[in-house]
Amino acid sequence: MTTIRIDLPDALAREAAGAGLFEPTCLAQIFERQLRTRAFRAWIGQVSAPSEDEPPMEEIQAEIDAYREERRAARRRTAGA
């Protein structure tokens, strides 16, 4: 078991103590939740970061636009024939 010492403003310390936040089980839950949250945010950052192999969105959109224009032109040719 590890003992920690923290310095808090008196009013905050009184409020936290009154809410039972200094109980060992409560403090453990607070730290565990914070660690899980930070790990989750780090994971989300890794998952959502673009890959070096992935083309930029502008390039993808340009390909989609070009395909759509080809389809429109083909329909115009077919309708005009």
C-alpha atoms as a PDB file:
ATOM      1  CA  MET A   1       0.000   0.000   0.000  1.00  0.00           C
ATOM      2  CA  THR A   2       1.285   3.465  -0.882  1.00  0.00           C
ATOM      3  CA  THR A   3       0.613   6.638   1.066  1.00  0.00           C
ATOM      4  CA  ILE A   4       0.234   9.896  -0.834  1.00  0.00           C
ATOM      5  CA  ARG A   5       0.153  13.479   0.344  1.00  0.00           C
ATOM      6  CA  ILE A   6      -1.690  16.171  -1.574  1.00  0.00           C
ATOM      7  CA  ASP A   7      -2.047  19.869  -0.930  1.00  0.00           C
ATOM      8  CA  LEU A   8      -5.510  21.256  -1.585  1.00  0.00           C
ATOM      9  CA  PRO A   9      -7.230  24.516  -0.803  1.00  0.00           C
ATOM     10  CA  ASP A  10      -8.956  24.190   2.582  1.00  0.00           C
ATOM     11  CA  ALA A  11     -12.482  24.655   1.222  1.00  0.00           C
ATOM     12  CA  LEU A  12     -11.971  21.999  -1.432  1.00  0.00           C
ATOM     13  CA  ALA A  13     -10.468  19.595   1.100  1.00  0.00           C
ATOM     14  CA  ARG A  14     -13.442  20.068   3.464  1.00  0.00           C
ATOM     15  CA  GLU A  15     -15.941  19.525   0.652  1.00  0.00           C
ATOM     16  CA  ALA A  16     -14.121  16.426  -0.618  1.00  0.00           C
ATOM     17  CA  ALA A  17     -13.849  14.994   2.897  1.00  0.00           C
ATOM     18  CA  GLY A  18     -17.539  15.668   3.508  1.00  0.00           C
ATOM     19  CA  ALA A  19     -18.404  13.816   0.298  1.00  0.00           C
ATOM     20  CA  GLY A  20     -16.285  10.833   1.363  1.00  0.00           C
ATOM     21  CA  LEU A  21     -13.819  11.283  -1.485  1.00  0.00           C
ATOM     22  CA  PHE A  22     -10.810  10.670   0.756  1.00  0.00           C
ATOM     23  CA  GLU A  23     -11.894   7.124   1.603  1.00  0.00           C
ATOM     24  CA  PRO A  24      -9.320   4.665   0.221  1.00  0.00           C
ATOM     25  CA  THR A  25     -11.855   2.767  -1.895  1.00  0.00           C
ATOM     26  CA  CYS A  26     -13.225   6.003  -3.348  1.00  0.00           C
ATOM     27  CA  LEU A  27      -9.750   7.337  -4.148  1.00  0.00           C
ATOM     28  CA  ALA A  28      -8.839   4.034  -5.795  1.00  0.00           C
ATOM     29  CA  GLN A  29     -11.978   4.236  -7.959  1.00  0.00           C
ATOM     30  CA  ILE A  30     -11.193   7.833  -8.926  1.00  0.00           C
ATOM     31  CA  PHE A  31      -7.629   6.942  -9.961  1.00  0.00           C
ATOM     32  CA  GLU A  32      -8.721   3.795 -11.812  1.00  0.00           C
ATOM     33  CA  ARG A  33     -11.427   5.676 -13.716  1.00  0.00           C
ATOM     34  CA  GLN A  34      -8.981   8.430 -14.651  1.00  0.00           C
ATOM     35  CA  LEU A  35      -6.405   5.901 -15.868  1.00  0.00           C
ATOM     36  CA  ARG A  36      -9.022   4.084 -17.978  1.00  0.00           C
ATOM     37  CA  THR A  37     -10.223   7.385 -19.436  1.00  0.00           C
ATOM     38  CA  ARG A  38      -6.705   8.443 -20.375  1.00  0.00           C
ATOM     39  CA  ALA A  39      -5.950   5.038 -21.902  1.00  0.00           C
ATOM     40  CA  PHE A  40      -9.206   5.175 -23.883  1.00  0.00           C
ATOM     41  CA  ARG A  41      -8.454   8.686 -25.167  1.00  0.00           C
ATOM     42  CA  ALA A  42      -4.965   7.620 -26.206  1.00  0.00           C
ATOM     43  CA  TRP A  43      -6.408   4.609 -28.026  1.00  0.00           C
ATOM     44  CA  ILE A  44      -9.008   6.795 -29.792  1.00  0.00           C
ATOM     45  CA  GLY A  45      -6.206   9.128 -30.869  1.00  0.00           C
ATOM     46  CA  GLN A  46      -4.306   6.225 -32.398  1.00  0.00           C
ATOM     47  CA  VAL A  47      -7.341   4.727 -34.105  1.00  0.00           C
ATOM     48  CA  SER A  48      -8.587   8.005 -35.551  1.00  0.00           C
ATOM     49  CA  ALA A  49      -5.189   9.264 -36.720  1.00  0.00           C
ATOM     50  CA  PRO A  50      -4.823   8.971 -40.483  1.00  0.00           C
ATOM     51  CA  SER A  51      -2.493   6.271 -41.705  1.00  0.00           C
ATOM     52  CA  GLU A  52       0.531   7.204 -43.816  1.00  0.00           C
ATOM     53  CA  ASP A  53      -0.752   4.780 -46.469  1.00  0.00           C
ATOM     54  CA  GLU A  54      -4.192   6.373 -46.500  1.00  0.00           C
ATOM     55  CA  PRO A  55      -4.791   8.973 -49.235  1.00  0.00           C
ATOM     56  CA  PRO A  56      -5.911  12.409 -48.074  1.00  0.00           C
ATOM     57  CA  MET A  57      -9.664  13.081 -48.017  1.00  0.00           C
ATOM     58  CA  GLU A  58      -9.304  15.671 -50.787  1.00  0.00           C
ATOM     59  CA  GLU A  59      -7.854  13.026 -53.097  1.00  0.00           C
ATOM     60  CA  ILE A  60     -10.619  10.566 -52.261  1.00  0.00           C
ATOM     61  CA  GLN A  61     -13.269  13.228 -52.869  1.00  0.00           C
ATOM     62  CA  ALA A  62     -11.670  14.178 -56.211  1.00  0.00           C
ATOM     63  CA  GLU A  63     -11.874  10.525 -57.309  1.00  0.00           C
ATOM     64  CA  ILE A  64     -15.543  10.336 -56.300  1.00  0.00           C
ATOM     65  CA  ASP A  65     -16.316  13.585 -58.126  1.00  0.00           C
ATOM     66  CA  ALA A  66     -14.529  12.361 -61.271  1.00  0.00           C
ATOM     67  CA  TYR A  67     -16.453   9.065 -61.194  1.00  0.00           C
ATOM     68  CA  ARG A  68     -19.768  10.879 -60.790  1.00  0.00           C
ATOM     69  CA  GLU A  69     -18.962  13.209 -63.674  1.00  0.00           C
ATOM     70  CA  GLU A  70     -18.108  10.227 -65.898  1.00  0.00           C
ATOM     71  CA  ARG A  71     -21.470   8.654 -65.033  1.00  0.00           C
ATOM     72  CA  ARG A  72     -23.335  11.899 -65.791  1.00  0.00           C
ATOM     73  CA  ALA A  73     -21.535  12.247 -69.127  1.00  0.00           C
ATOM     74  CA  ALA A  74     -22.383   8.639 -70.021  1.00  0.00           C
ATOM     75  CA  ARG A  75     -26.070   9.247 -69.187  1.00  0.00           C
ATOM     76  CA  ARG A  76     -26.085  12.418 -71.293  1.00  0.00           C
ATOM     77  CA  ARG A  77     -24.569  10.511 -74.240  1.00  0.00           C
ATOM     78  CA  THR A  78     -27.128   7.714 -73.842  1.00  0.00           C
ATOM     79  CA  ALA A  79     -30.048  10.151 -73.523  1.00  0.00           C
ATOM     80  CA  GLY A  80     -28.907  12.131 -76.583  1.00  0.00           C
ATOM     81  CA  ALA A  81     -28.538   9.070 -78.807  1.00  0.00           C
END
